[in-house]
Amino acid sequence: MKSKDSGFFEMVYRVTCLIPPGRVSTYGAIARYLGSSGAARMVGWALNSSHSSGKFIPAHRVVNRNGVLTGKHHFGTSNAMQQLLENEKISVHDDQVVNFTQLFWDPCLEL
């Protein structure tokens, strides 16, 4: 990663760390908050790399725009992301957050 990507990744990590336990956000919402509305995939890349950042980043709280656990294969086991969410009392059914609309945390509105 060059410094531009590293700076963006660090901003993604900072926002992701602000998502409260028991709430979820989306790749797109984080990208919009950072002023890069077309960079949802880059937010995903940042979160995929977060496991090697040396600090805890609650990447399990970030899902796609429909509440689907699209990044689950980056958590070591196929059910680790779901288990992390369920540990925070977030119900998941068929890889989708139940009550996604009610649990959605939008940094543009919350911060």
C-alpha atoms as a PDB file:
ATOM      1  CA  MET A   1       0.000   0.000   0.000  1.00  0.00           C
ATOM      2  CA  LYS A   2       1.211   3.464  -0.809  1.00  0.00           C
ATOM      3  CA  SER A   3       0.600   6.378   1.533  1.00  0.00           C
ATOM      4  CA  LYS A   4      -2.640   7.466  -0.189  1.00  0.00           C
ATOM      5  CA  ASP A   5      -4.218   4.021   0.338  1.00  0.00           C
ATOM      6  CA  SER A   6      -2.762   3.762   3.841  1.00  0.00           C
ATOM      7  CA  GLY A   7      -4.280   7.118   4.789  1.00  0.00           C
ATOM      8  CA  PHE A   8      -7.673   6.099   3.433  1.00  0.00           C
ATOM      9  CA  PHE A   9      -7.461   2.731   5.183  1.00  0.00           C
ATOM     10  CA  GLU A  10      -6.660   4.457   8.496  1.00  0.00           C
ATOM     11  CA  MET A  11      -9.674   6.744   8.071  1.00  0.00           C
ATOM     12  CA  VAL A  12     -11.849   3.668   7.401  1.00  0.00           C
ATOM     13  CA  TYR A  13     -10.482   2.029  10.547  1.00  0.00           C
ATOM     14  CA  ARG A  14     -11.198   5.118  12.667  1.00  0.00           C
ATOM     15  CA  VAL A  15     -14.820   5.317  11.476  1.00  0.00           C
ATOM     16  CA  THR A  16     -15.326   1.568  11.845  1.00  0.00           C
ATOM     17  CA  CYS A  17     -14.106   1.740  15.453  1.00  0.00           C
ATOM     18  CA  LEU A  18     -16.899   4.242  16.163  1.00  0.00           C
ATOM     19  CA  ILE A  19     -19.698   1.826  15.209  1.00  0.00           C
ATOM     20  CA  PRO A  20     -21.333   0.948  18.524  1.00  0.00           C
ATOM     21  CA  PRO A  21     -21.637  -2.690  19.581  1.00  0.00           C
ATOM     22  CA  GLY A  22     -25.010  -4.025  18.512  1.00  0.00           C
ATOM     23  CA  ARG A  23     -25.161  -1.801  15.421  1.00  0.00           C
ATOM     24  CA  VAL A  24     -23.985  -2.265  11.821  1.00  0.00           C
ATOM     25  CA  SER A  25     -22.930   0.029   9.023  1.00  0.00           C
ATOM     26  CA  THR A  26     -22.207  -0.461   5.338  1.00  0.00           C
ATOM     27  CA  TYR A  27     -19.208  -0.100   3.064  1.00  0.00           C
ATOM     28  CA  GLY A  28     -21.038   2.602   1.125  1.00  0.00           C
ATOM     29  CA  ALA A  29     -22.078   4.589   4.204  1.00  0.00           C
ATOM     30  CA  ILE A  30     -18.482   4.702   5.410  1.00  0.00           C
ATOM     31  CA  ALA A  31     -17.262   5.722   1.946  1.00  0.00           C
ATOM     32  CA  ARG A  32     -19.870   8.522   1.773  1.00  0.00           C
ATOM     33  CA  TYR A  33     -18.867   9.769   5.217  1.00  0.00           C
ATOM     34  CA  LEU A  34     -15.246   9.918   4.074  1.00  0.00           C
ATOM     35  CA  GLY A  35     -16.242  11.966   1.013  1.00  0.00           C
ATOM     36  CA  SER A  36     -15.628   9.120  -1.431  1.00  0.00           C
ATOM     37  CA  SER A  37     -19.115   7.885  -2.278  1.00  0.00           C
ATOM     38  CA  GLY A  38     -17.834   5.649  -5.084  1.00  0.00           C
ATOM     39  CA  ALA A  39     -15.265   3.906  -2.907  1.00  0.00           C
ATOM     40  CA  ALA A  40     -17.364   1.235  -1.164  1.00  0.00           C
ATOM     41  CA  ARG A  41     -15.109  -1.489  -2.587  1.00  0.00           C
ATOM     42  CA  MET A  42     -12.039   0.286  -1.295  1.00  0.00           C
ATOM     43  CA  VAL A  43     -13.643   0.389   2.162  1.00  0.00           C
ATOM     44  CA  GLY A  44     -14.065  -3.372   1.813  1.00  0.00           C
ATOM     45  CA  TRP A  45     -10.414  -3.781   0.851  1.00  0.00           C
ATOM     46  CA  ALA A  46      -9.402  -1.710   3.862  1.00  0.00           C
ATOM     47  CA  LEU A  47     -11.485  -3.863   6.181  1.00  0.00           C
ATOM     48  CA  ASN A  48     -10.148  -7.053   4.601  1.00  0.00           C
ATOM     49  CA  SER A  49      -6.665  -5.777   5.474  1.00  0.00           C
ATOM     50  CA  SER A  50      -7.660  -4.691   8.978  1.00  0.00           C
ATOM     51  CA  HIS A  51      -6.834  -8.102  10.447  1.00  0.00           C
ATOM     52  CA  SER A  52      -3.143  -7.315   9.944  1.00  0.00           C
ATOM     53  CA  SER A  53      -3.355  -3.752  11.307  1.00  0.00           C
ATOM     54  CA  GLY A  54      -2.129  -4.776  14.746  1.00  0.00           C
ATOM     55  CA  LYS A  55      -5.202  -3.419  16.520  1.00  0.00           C
ATOM     56  CA  PHE A  56      -8.801  -4.527  16.900  1.00  0.00           C
ATOM     57  CA  ILE A  57     -11.009  -3.118  14.151  1.00  0.00           C
ATOM     58  CA  PRO A  58     -14.657  -4.275  14.449  1.00  0.00           C
ATOM     59  CA  ALA A  59     -14.908  -5.059  10.738  1.00  0.00           C
ATOM     60  CA  HIS A  60     -17.650  -7.589  11.507  1.00  0.00           C
ATOM     61  CA  ARG A  61     -19.999  -4.613  12.031  1.00  0.00           C
ATOM     62  CA  VAL A  62     -19.747  -3.613   8.357  1.00  0.00           C
ATOM     63  CA  VAL A  63     -22.019  -5.349   5.864  1.00  0.00           C
ATOM     64  CA  ASN A  64     -23.266  -4.639   2.372  1.00  0.00           C
ATOM     65  CA  ARG A  65     -26.106  -2.215   1.577  1.00  0.00           C
ATOM     66  CA  ASN A  66     -28.689  -4.968   2.044  1.00  0.00           C
ATOM     67  CA  GLY A  67     -27.331  -6.169   5.378  1.00  0.00           C
ATOM     68  CA  VAL A  68     -25.644  -9.237   3.892  1.00  0.00           C
ATOM     69  CA  LEU A  69     -22.404 -10.554   5.390  1.00  0.00           C
ATOM     70  CA  THR A  70     -20.442 -10.316   2.146  1.00  0.00           C
ATOM     71  CA  GLY A  71     -17.056 -10.085   3.888  1.00  0.00           C
ATOM     72  CA  LYS A  72     -17.503 -13.195   5.996  1.00  0.00           C
ATOM     73  CA  HIS A  73     -14.843 -15.211   4.168  1.00  0.00           C
ATOM     74  CA  HIS A  74     -12.183 -12.836   5.556  1.00  0.00           C
ATOM     75  CA  PHE A  75     -12.802 -13.893   9.165  1.00  0.00           C
ATOM     76  CA  GLY A  76     -10.988 -17.224   9.269  1.00  0.00           C
ATOM     77  CA  THR A  77     -14.018 -19.509   9.445  1.00  0.00           C
ATOM     78  CA  SER A  78     -17.278 -19.356   7.534  1.00  0.00           C
ATOM     79  CA  ASN A  79     -19.344 -18.486  10.613  1.00  0.00           C
ATOM     80  CA  ALA A  80     -16.905 -16.244  12.562  1.00  0.00           C
ATOM     81  CA  MET A  81     -18.421 -12.943  11.358  1.00  0.00           C
ATOM     82  CA  GLN A  82     -21.928 -14.138  12.206  1.00  0.00           C
ATOM     83  CA  GLN A  83     -20.762 -15.327  15.631  1.00  0.00           C
ATOM     84  CA  LEU A  84     -19.151 -11.946  16.378  1.00  0.00           C
ATOM     85  CA  LEU A  85     -22.402 -10.192  15.459  1.00  0.00           C
ATOM     86  CA  GLU A  86     -24.507 -12.614  17.473  1.00  0.00           C
ATOM     87  CA  ASN A  87     -22.209 -12.032  20.465  1.00  0.00           C
ATOM     88  CA  GLU A  88     -23.423  -8.414  20.234  1.00  0.00           C
ATOM     89  CA  LYS A  89     -27.078  -9.537  20.151  1.00  0.00           C
ATOM     90  CA  ILE A  90     -27.413  -8.982  16.381  1.00  0.00           C
ATOM     91  CA  SER A  91     -29.504 -11.722  14.787  1.00  0.00           C
ATOM     92  CA  VAL A  92     -28.352 -13.126  11.463  1.00  0.00           C
ATOM     93  CA  HIS A  93     -30.397 -15.408   9.220  1.00  0.00           C
ATOM     94  CA  ASP A  94     -29.086 -16.828   5.931  1.00  0.00           C
ATOM     95  CA  ASP A  95     -26.042 -14.507   6.082  1.00  0.00           C
ATOM     96  CA  GLN A  96     -28.236 -11.410   6.437  1.00  0.00           C
ATOM     97  CA  VAL A  97     -28.687  -9.118   9.446  1.00  0.00           C
ATOM     98  CA  VAL A  98     -32.227  -9.380  10.795  1.00  0.00           C
ATOM     99  CA  ASN A  99     -33.784  -5.939  11.379  1.00  0.00           C
ATOM    100  CA  PHE A 100     -30.994  -4.356   9.352  1.00  0.00           C
ATOM    101  CA  THR A 101     -32.848  -1.053   8.908  1.00  0.00           C
ATOM    102  CA  GLN A 102     -33.290  -0.628  12.660  1.00  0.00           C
ATOM    103  CA  LEU A 103     -29.670  -1.571  13.427  1.00  0.00           C
ATOM    104  CA  PHE A 104     -28.120   0.513  10.643  1.00  0.00           C
ATOM    105  CA  TRP A 105     -25.623   3.098  11.905  1.00  0.00           C
ATOM    106  CA  ASP A 106     -24.990   5.876   9.379  1.00  0.00           C
ATOM    107  CA  PRO A 107     -21.852   7.866  10.213  1.00  0.00           C
ATOM    108  CA  CYS A 108     -23.198  10.797   8.167  1.00  0.00           C
ATOM    109  CA  LEU A 109     -26.076  11.069  10.658  1.00  0.00           C
ATOM    110  CA  GLU A 110     -24.429   9.792  13.831  1.00  0.00           C
ATOM    111  CA  LEU A 111     -21.143  11.716  13.764  1.00  0.00           C
END
